[in-house]
PDB file of N, CA and C in Angstrom:
ATOM      1  N   UNK A   1      85.137  28.549 119.178  1.00  0.00           N
ATOM      2  CA  UNK A   1      84.847  27.432 118.312  1.00  0.00           C
ATOM      3  C   UNK A   1      83.782  27.889 117.311  1.00  0.00           C
ATOM      4  N   UNK A   2      84.032  27.631 116.042  1.00  0.00           N
ATOM      5  CA  UNK A   2      83.063  27.965 114.992  1.00  0.00           C
ATOM      6  C   UNK A   2      82.781  26.724 114.152  1.00  0.00           C
ATOM      7  N   UNK A   3      81.611  26.701 113.546  1.00  0.00           N
ATOM      8  CA  UNK A   3      81.219  25.595 112.676  1.00  0.00           C
ATOM      9  C   UNK A   3      81.979  25.694 111.358  1.00  0.00           C
ATOM     10  N   UNK A   4      82.694  24.647 111.014  1.00  0.00           N
ATOM     11  CA  UNK A   4      83.397  24.622 109.724  1.00  0.00           C
ATOM     12  C   UNK A   4      83.063  23.336 108.969  1.00  0.00           C
ATOM     13  N   UNK A   5      81.854  22.830 109.194  1.00  0.00           N
ATOM     14  CA  UNK A   5      81.409  21.581 108.583  1.00  0.00           C
ATOM     15  C   UNK A   5      81.476  21.630 107.068  1.00  0.00           C
ATOM     16  N   UNK A   6      80.979  22.700 106.466  1.00  0.00           N
ATOM     17  CA  UNK A   6      80.967  22.789 104.999  1.00  0.00           C
ATOM     18  C   UNK A   6      82.369  22.645 104.430  1.00  0.00           C
ATOM     19  N   UNK A   7      83.321  23.348 104.998  1.00  0.00           N
ATOM     20  CA  UNK A   7      84.702  23.293 104.500  1.00  0.00           C
ATOM     21  C   UNK A   7      85.320  21.920 104.744  1.00  0.00           C
ATOM     22  N   UNK A   8      85.061  21.327 105.897  1.00  0.00           N
ATOM     23  CA  UNK A   8      85.652  20.028 106.235  1.00  0.00           C
ATOM     24  C   UNK A   8      85.118  18.910 105.345  1.00  0.00           C
ATOM     25  N   UNK A   9      83.848  18.971 104.973  1.00  0.00           N
ATOM     26  CA  UNK A   9      83.268  17.885 104.177  1.00  0.00           C
ATOM     27  C   UNK A   9      83.494  18.060 102.686  1.00  0.00           C
ATOM     28  N   UNK A  10      83.779  19.266 102.213  1.00  0.00           N
ATOM     29  CA  UNK A  10      84.042  19.498 100.787  1.00  0.00           C
ATOM     30  C   UNK A  10      85.308  18.767 100.356  1.00  0.00           C
ATOM     31  N   UNK A  11      86.335  18.809 101.167  1.00  0.00           N
ATOM     32  CA  UNK A  11      87.649  18.303 100.774  1.00  0.00           C
ATOM     33  C   UNK A  11      87.940  16.891 101.271  1.00  0.00           C
ATOM     34  N   UNK A  12      86.960  16.257 101.887  1.00  0.00           N
ATOM     35  CA  UNK A  12      87.199  14.910 102.391  1.00  0.00           C
ATOM     36  C   UNK A  12      85.980  14.050 102.124  1.00  0.00           C
ATOM     37  N   UNK A  13      86.095  12.821 102.474  1.00  0.00           N
ATOM     38  CA  UNK A  13      84.967  11.907 102.323  1.00  0.00           C
ATOM     39  C   UNK A  13      84.262  11.750 103.658  1.00  0.00           C
ATOM     40  N   UNK A  14      84.230  12.815 104.429  1.00  0.00           N
ATOM     41  CA  UNK A  14      83.605  12.783 105.745  1.00  0.00           C
ATOM     42  C   UNK A  14      82.098  12.614 105.606  1.00  0.00           C
ATOM     43  N   UNK A  15      81.505  12.066 106.627  1.00  0.00           N
ATOM     44  CA  UNK A  15      80.059  11.878 106.643  1.00  0.00           C
ATOM     45  C   UNK A  15      79.398  13.237 106.811  1.00  0.00           C
ATOM     46  N   UNK A  16      78.483  13.566 105.912  1.00  0.00           N
ATOM     47  CA  UNK A  16      77.883  14.904 105.918  1.00  0.00           C
ATOM     48  C   UNK A  16      76.992  15.171 107.121  1.00  0.00           C
ATOM     49  N   UNK A  17      76.497  14.127 107.796  1.00  0.00           N
ATOM     50  CA  UNK A  17      75.620  14.317 108.946  1.00  0.00           C
ATOM     51  C   UNK A  17      76.387  14.675 110.218  1.00  0.00           C
ATOM     52  N   UNK A  18      77.698  14.641 110.150  1.00  0.00           N
ATOM     53  CA  UNK A  18      78.520  14.970 111.311  1.00  0.00           C
ATOM     54  C   UNK A  18      78.949  16.429 111.212  1.00  0.00           C
ATOM     55  N   UNK A  19      78.812  17.158 112.317  1.00  0.00           N
ATOM     56  CA  UNK A  19      79.252  18.552 112.339  1.00  0.00           C
ATOM     57  C   UNK A  19      80.705  18.643 112.774  1.00  0.00           C
ATOM     58  N   UNK A  20      81.425  19.578 112.198  1.00  0.00           N
ATOM     59  CA  UNK A  20      82.834  19.777 112.531  1.00  0.00           C
ATOM     60  C   UNK A  20      83.039  21.212 112.999  1.00  0.00           C
ATOM     61  N   UNK A  21      83.731  21.360 114.116  1.00  0.00           N
ATOM     62  CA  UNK A  21      84.036  22.683 114.629  1.00  0.00           C
ATOM     63  C   UNK A  21      85.505  23.007 114.442  1.00  0.00           C
ATOM     64  N   UNK A  22      85.783  24.280 114.231  1.00  0.00           N
ATOM     65  CA  UNK A  22      87.162  24.748 114.133  1.00  0.00           C
ATOM     66  C   UNK A  22      87.475  25.597 115.360  1.00  0.00           C
ATOM     67  N   UNK A  23      88.614  25.337 115.953  1.00  0.00           N
ATOM     68  CA  UNK A  23      89.095  26.171 117.050  1.00  0.00           C
ATOM     69  C   UNK A  23      89.793  27.363 116.417  1.00  0.00           C
ATOM     70  N   UNK A  24      89.322  28.554 116.748  1.00  0.00           N
ATOM     71  CA  UNK A  24      89.855  29.775 116.144  1.00  0.00           C
ATOM     72  C   UNK A  24      90.737  30.491 117.161  1.00  0.00           C
ATOM     73  N   UNK A  25      92.009  30.641 116.815  1.00  0.00           N
ATOM     74  CA  UNK A  25      92.941  31.376 117.669  1.00  0.00           C
ATOM     75  C   UNK A  25      92.872  32.857 117.314  1.00  0.00           C
ATOM     76  N   UNK A  26      92.805  33.690 118.344  1.00  0.00           N
ATOM     77  CA  UNK A  26      92.807  35.142 118.167  1.00  0.00           C
ATOM     78  C   UNK A  26      94.146  35.683 118.644  1.00  0.00           C
ATOM     79  N   UNK A  27      94.600  36.758 118.018  1.00  0.00           N
ATOM     80  CA  UNK A  27      95.857  37.389 118.430  1.00  0.00           C
ATOM     81  C   UNK A  27      95.661  38.898 118.458  1.00  0.00           C
ATOM     82  N   UNK A  28      96.706  39.611 118.813  1.00  0.00           N
ATOM     83  CA  UNK A  28      96.616  41.075 118.806  1.00  0.00           C
ATOM     84  C   UNK A  28      96.520  41.616 117.382  1.00  0.00           C
ATOM     85  N   UNK A  29      96.746  40.766 116.385  1.00  0.00           N
ATOM     86  CA  UNK A  29      96.614  41.169 114.982  1.00  0.00           C
ATOM     87  C   UNK A  29      95.206  40.921 114.434  1.00  0.00           C
ATOM     88  N   UNK A  30      94.364  40.210 115.195  1.00  0.00           N
ATOM     89  CA  UNK A  30      93.002  39.918 114.755  1.00  0.00           C
ATOM     90  C   UNK A  30      92.140  41.168 114.874  1.00  0.00           C
ATOM     91  N   UNK A  31      91.427  41.510 113.795  1.00  0.00           N
ATOM     92  CA  UNK A  31      90.511  42.653 113.838  1.00  0.00           C
ATOM     93  C   UNK A  31      89.073  42.138 113.870  1.00  0.00           C
ATOM     94  N   UNK A  32      88.185  42.967 114.399  1.00  0.00           N
ATOM     95  CA  UNK A  32      86.777  42.622 114.540  1.00  0.00           C
ATOM     96  C   UNK A  32      85.950  43.744 113.942  1.00  0.00           C
ATOM     97  N   UNK A  33      84.922  43.372 113.169  1.00  0.00           N
ATOM     98  CA  UNK A  33      84.047  44.397 112.598  1.00  0.00           C
ATOM     99  C   UNK A  33      82.670  43.819 112.327  1.00  0.00           C
ATOM    100  N   UNK A  34      81.722  44.741 112.156  1.00  0.00           N
ATOM    101  CA  UNK A  34      80.377  44.336 111.762  1.00  0.00           C
ATOM    102  C   UNK A  34      80.352  44.150 110.251  1.00  0.00           C
ATOM    103  N   UNK A  35      79.270  43.597 109.766  1.00  0.00           N
ATOM    104  CA  UNK A  35      79.113  43.383 108.327  1.00  0.00           C
ATOM    105  C   UNK A  35      79.102  44.704 107.560  1.00  0.00           C
ATOM    106  N   UNK A  36      78.716  45.782 108.237  1.00  0.00           N
ATOM    107  CA  UNK A  36      78.676  47.100 107.601  1.00  0.00           C
ATOM    108  C   UNK A  36      80.014  47.837 107.685  1.00  0.00           C
ATOM    109  N   UNK A  37      81.014  47.217 108.340  1.00  0.00           N
ATOM    110  CA  UNK A  37      82.342  47.813 108.397  1.00  0.00           C
ATOM    111  C   UNK A  37      82.676  48.516 109.693  1.00  0.00           C
ATOM    112  N   UNK A  38      81.730  48.572 110.641  1.00  0.00           N
ATOM    113  CA  UNK A  38      81.971  49.234 111.920  1.00  0.00           C
ATOM    114  C   UNK A  38      82.959  48.418 112.759  1.00  0.00           C
ATOM    115  N   UNK A  39      84.001  49.054 113.260  1.00  0.00           N
ATOM    116  CA  UNK A  39      84.981  48.367 114.110  1.00  0.00           C
ATOM    117  C   UNK A  39      84.333  47.927 115.414  1.00  0.00           C
ATOM    118  N   UNK A  40      84.701  46.747 115.869  1.00  0.00           N
ATOM    119  CA  UNK A  40      84.184  46.200 117.119  1.00  0.00           C
ATOM    120  C   UNK A  40      85.353  45.730 117.971  1.00  0.00           C
ATOM    121  N   UNK A  41      85.083  45.519 119.252  1.00  0.00           N
ATOM    122  CA  UNK A  41      86.037  44.850 120.131  1.00  0.00           C
ATOM    123  C   UNK A  41      85.415  43.513 120.525  1.00  0.00           C
ATOM    124  N   UNK A  42      86.237  42.573 120.924  1.00  0.00           N
ATOM    125  CA  UNK A  42      85.779  41.218 121.208  1.00  0.00           C
ATOM    126  C   UNK A  42      84.625  41.186 122.205  1.00  0.00           C
ATOM    127  N   UNK A  43      84.675  42.023 123.227  1.00  0.00           N
ATOM    128  CA  UNK A  43      83.629  42.030 124.253  1.00  0.00           C
ATOM    129  C   UNK A  43      82.254  42.409 123.710  1.00  0.00           C
ATOM    130  N   UNK A  44      82.192  43.041 122.548  1.00  0.00           N
ATOM    131  CA  UNK A  44      80.918  43.443 121.954  1.00  0.00           C
ATOM    132  C   UNK A  44      80.249  42.315 121.161  1.00  0.00           C
ATOM    133  N   UNK A  45      80.943  41.222 120.969  1.00  0.00           N
ATOM    134  CA  UNK A  45      80.416  40.126 120.158  1.00  0.00           C
ATOM    135  C   UNK A  45      79.768  39.092 121.067  1.00  0.00           C
ATOM    136  N   UNK A  46      78.489  38.799 120.818  1.00  0.00           N
ATOM    137  CA  UNK A  46      77.756  37.822 121.616  1.00  0.00           C
ATOM    138  C   UNK A  46      78.277  36.417 121.326  1.00  0.00           C
ATOM    139  N   UNK A  47      78.226  35.567 122.334  1.00  0.00           N
ATOM    140  CA  UNK A  47      78.754  34.210 122.215  1.00  0.00           C
ATOM    141  C   UNK A  47      78.105  33.419 121.083  1.00  0.00           C
ATOM    142  N   UNK A  48      76.835  33.602 120.843  1.00  0.00           N
ATOM    143  CA  UNK A  48      76.121  32.845 119.810  1.00  0.00           C
ATOM    144  C   UNK A  48      76.013  33.607 118.486  1.00  0.00           C
ATOM    145  N   UNK A  49      76.803  34.643 118.302  1.00  0.00           N
ATOM    146  CA  UNK A  49      76.744  35.447 117.075  1.00  0.00           C
ATOM    147  C   UNK A  49      77.164  34.615 115.867  1.00  0.00           C
ATOM    148  N   UNK A  50      76.574  34.936 114.728  1.00  0.00           N
ATOM    149  CA  UNK A  50      76.984  34.325 113.469  1.00  0.00           C
ATOM    150  C   UNK A  50      78.112  35.176 112.908  1.00  0.00           C
ATOM    151  N   UNK A  51      79.243  34.537 112.643  1.00  0.00           N
ATOM    152  CA  UNK A  51      80.419  35.273 112.192  1.00  0.00           C
ATOM    153  C   UNK A  51      81.028  34.634 110.950  1.00  0.00           C
ATOM    154  N   UNK A  52      81.778  35.429 110.222  1.00  0.00           N
ATOM    155  CA  UNK A  52      82.627  34.943 109.129  1.00  0.00           C
ATOM    156  C   UNK A  52      84.059  35.175 109.605  1.00  0.00           C
ATOM    157  N   UNK A  53      84.882  34.160 109.490  1.00  0.00           N
ATOM    158  CA  UNK A  53      86.265  34.260 109.940  1.00  0.00           C
ATOM    159  C   UNK A  53      87.181  34.220 108.724  1.00  0.00           C
ATOM    160  N   UNK A  54      87.971  35.275 108.555  1.00  0.00           N
ATOM    161  CA  UNK A  54      88.993  35.298 107.512  1.00  0.00           C
ATOM    162  C   UNK A  54      90.293  34.848 108.161  1.00  0.00           C
ATOM    163  N   UNK A  55      90.940  33.877 107.555  1.00  0.00           N
ATOM    164  CA  UNK A  55      92.121  33.275 108.162  1.00  0.00           C
ATOM    165  C   UNK A  55      93.386  34.076 107.890  1.00  0.00           C
ATOM    166  N   UNK A  56      94.309  33.999 108.837  1.00  0.00           N
ATOM    167  CA  UNK A  56      95.607  34.653 108.701  1.00  0.00           C
ATOM    168  C   UNK A  56      96.394  34.021 107.550  1.00  0.00           C
ATOM    169  N   UNK A  57      96.267  32.694 107.419  1.00  0.00           N
ATOM    170  CA  UNK A  57      96.967  31.950 106.370  1.00  0.00           C
ATOM    171  C   UNK A  57      96.010  30.930 105.772  1.00  0.00           C
ATOM    172  N   UNK A  58      96.168  30.640 104.508  1.00  0.00           N
ATOM    173  CA  UNK A  58      95.368  29.617 103.850  1.00  0.00           C
ATOM    174  C   UNK A  58      95.621  28.271 104.524  1.00  0.00           C
ATOM    175  N   UNK A  59      94.552  27.482 104.684  1.00  0.00           N
ATOM    176  CA  UNK A  59      94.705  26.197 105.359  1.00  0.00           C
ATOM    177  C   UNK A  59      93.735  25.194 104.769  1.00  0.00           C
ATOM    178  N   UNK A  60      94.185  23.957 104.611  1.00  0.00           N
ATOM    179  CA  UNK A  60      93.343  22.881 104.127  1.00  0.00           C
ATOM    180  C   UNK A  60      92.590  22.303 105.324  1.00  0.00           C
ATOM    181  N   UNK A  61      91.300  22.612 105.441  1.00  0.00           N
ATOM    182  CA  UNK A  61      90.484  22.158 106.563  1.00  0.00           C
ATOM    183  C   UNK A  61      89.783  20.867 106.159  1.00  0.00           C
ATOM    184  N   UNK A  62      89.978  19.818 106.969  1.00  0.00           N
ATOM    185  CA  UNK A  62      89.363  18.516 106.707  1.00  0.00           C
ATOM    186  C   UNK A  62      88.708  18.011 107.991  1.00  0.00           C
ATOM    187  N   UNK A  63      88.328  16.735 107.994  1.00  0.00           N
ATOM    188  CA  UNK A  63      87.751  16.145 109.197  1.00  0.00           C
ATOM    189  C   UNK A  63      88.797  15.935 110.294  1.00  0.00           C
ATOM    190  N   UNK A  64      90.075  15.986 109.949  1.00  0.00           N
ATOM    191  CA  UNK A  64      91.159  15.811 110.918  1.00  0.00           C
ATOM    192  C   UNK A  64      91.142  16.942 111.950  1.00  0.00           C
ATOM    193  N   UNK A  65      91.176  16.580 113.217  1.00  0.00           N
ATOM    194  CA  UNK A  65      91.124  17.573 114.295  1.00  0.00           C
ATOM    195  C   UNK A  65      92.269  18.584 114.195  1.00  0.00           C
ATOM    196  N   UNK A  66      93.469  18.117 113.854  1.00  0.00           N
ATOM    197  CA  UNK A  66      94.626  19.017 113.748  1.00  0.00           C
ATOM    198  C   UNK A  66      94.445  20.076 112.661  1.00  0.00           C
ATOM    199  N   UNK A  67      93.742  19.728 111.595  1.00  0.00           N
ATOM    200  CA  UNK A  67      93.545  20.685 110.500  1.00  0.00           C
ATOM    201  C   UNK A  67      92.521  21.750 110.860  1.00  0.00           C
ATOM    202  N   UNK A  68      91.778  21.524 111.942  1.00  0.00           N
ATOM    203  CA  UNK A  68      90.690  22.431 112.304  1.00  0.00           C
ATOM    204  C   UNK A  68      91.064  23.406 113.417  1.00  0.00           C
ATOM    205  N   UNK A  69      92.347  23.694 113.547  1.00  0.00           N
ATOM    206  CA  UNK A  69      92.833  24.759 114.432  1.00  0.00           C
ATOM    207  C   UNK A  69      93.370  25.847 113.512  1.00  0.00           C
ATOM    208  N   UNK A  70      92.736  27.020 113.563  1.00  0.00           N
ATOM    209  CA  UNK A  70      93.062  28.089 112.620  1.00  0.00           C
ATOM    210  C   UNK A  70      93.318  29.397 113.364  1.00  0.00           C
ATOM    211  N   UNK A  71      94.002  30.334 112.705  1.00  0.00           N
ATOM    212  CA  UNK A  71      94.258  31.656 113.280  1.00  0.00           C
ATOM    213  C   UNK A  71      93.481  32.696 112.492  1.00  0.00           C
ATOM    214  N   UNK A  72      92.720  33.524 113.200  1.00  0.00           N
ATOM    215  CA  UNK A  72      91.871  34.526 112.556  1.00  0.00           C
ATOM    216  C   UNK A  72      92.633  35.803 112.253  1.00  0.00           C
ATOM    217  N   UNK A  73      92.485  36.275 111.029  1.00  0.00           N
ATOM    218  CA  UNK A  73      92.983  37.595 110.644  1.00  0.00           C
ATOM    219  C   UNK A  73      91.900  38.624 110.940  1.00  0.00           C
ATOM    220  N   UNK A  74      90.658  38.244 110.619  1.00  0.00           N
ATOM    221  CA  UNK A  74      89.530  39.154 110.813  1.00  0.00           C
ATOM    222  C   UNK A  74      88.285  38.348 111.157  1.00  0.00           C
ATOM    223  N   UNK A  75      87.487  38.870 112.091  1.00  0.00           N
ATOM    224  CA  UNK A  75      86.206  38.279 112.452  1.00  0.00           C
ATOM    225  C   UNK A  75      85.132  39.296 112.092  1.00  0.00           C
ATOM    226  N   UNK A  76      84.202  38.868 111.248  1.00  0.00           N
ATOM    227  CA  UNK A  76      83.121  39.741 110.792  1.00  0.00           C
ATOM    228  C   UNK A  76      81.817  39.221 111.372  1.00  0.00           C
ATOM    229  N   UNK A  77      81.120  40.064 112.137  1.00  0.00           N
ATOM    230  CA  UNK A  77      79.834  39.687 112.711  1.00  0.00           C
ATOM    231  C   UNK A  77      78.762  39.933 111.659  1.00  0.00           C
ATOM    232  N   UNK A  78      78.030  38.873 111.316  1.00  0.00           N
ATOM    233  CA  UNK A  78      77.009  38.963 110.275  1.00  0.00           C
ATOM    234  C   UNK A  78      75.678  39.394 110.861  1.00  0.00           C
ATOM    235  N   UNK A  79      74.972  40.237 110.133  1.00  0.00           N
ATOM    236  CA  UNK A  79      73.628  40.646 110.534  1.00  0.00           C
ATOM    237  C   UNK A  79      72.692  39.487 110.257  1.00  0.00           C
ATOM    238  N   UNK A  80      71.797  39.235 111.187  1.00  0.00           N
ATOM    239  CA  UNK A  80      70.849  38.133 110.988  1.00  0.00           C
ATOM    240  C   UNK A  80      69.480  38.643 110.675  1.00  0.00           C
TER     241      UNK A  80
END
């Protein structure tokens, strides 16, 4: 689950004080890397890591729960 509040509230009239999470599906096609480009495996990523998720397909993310299930093409772990 990742925070997708910014994307959900941009395209809808959702209340900005409410946080929205996106369920991110991973597949054997999903790649993982650090912000510097180093390849990673899922087990190397901490549960509370800050990540950027690139989607497999473009999707309109809104406050609707169904719209907030996405498939990851790439997960990038951001340096904090």
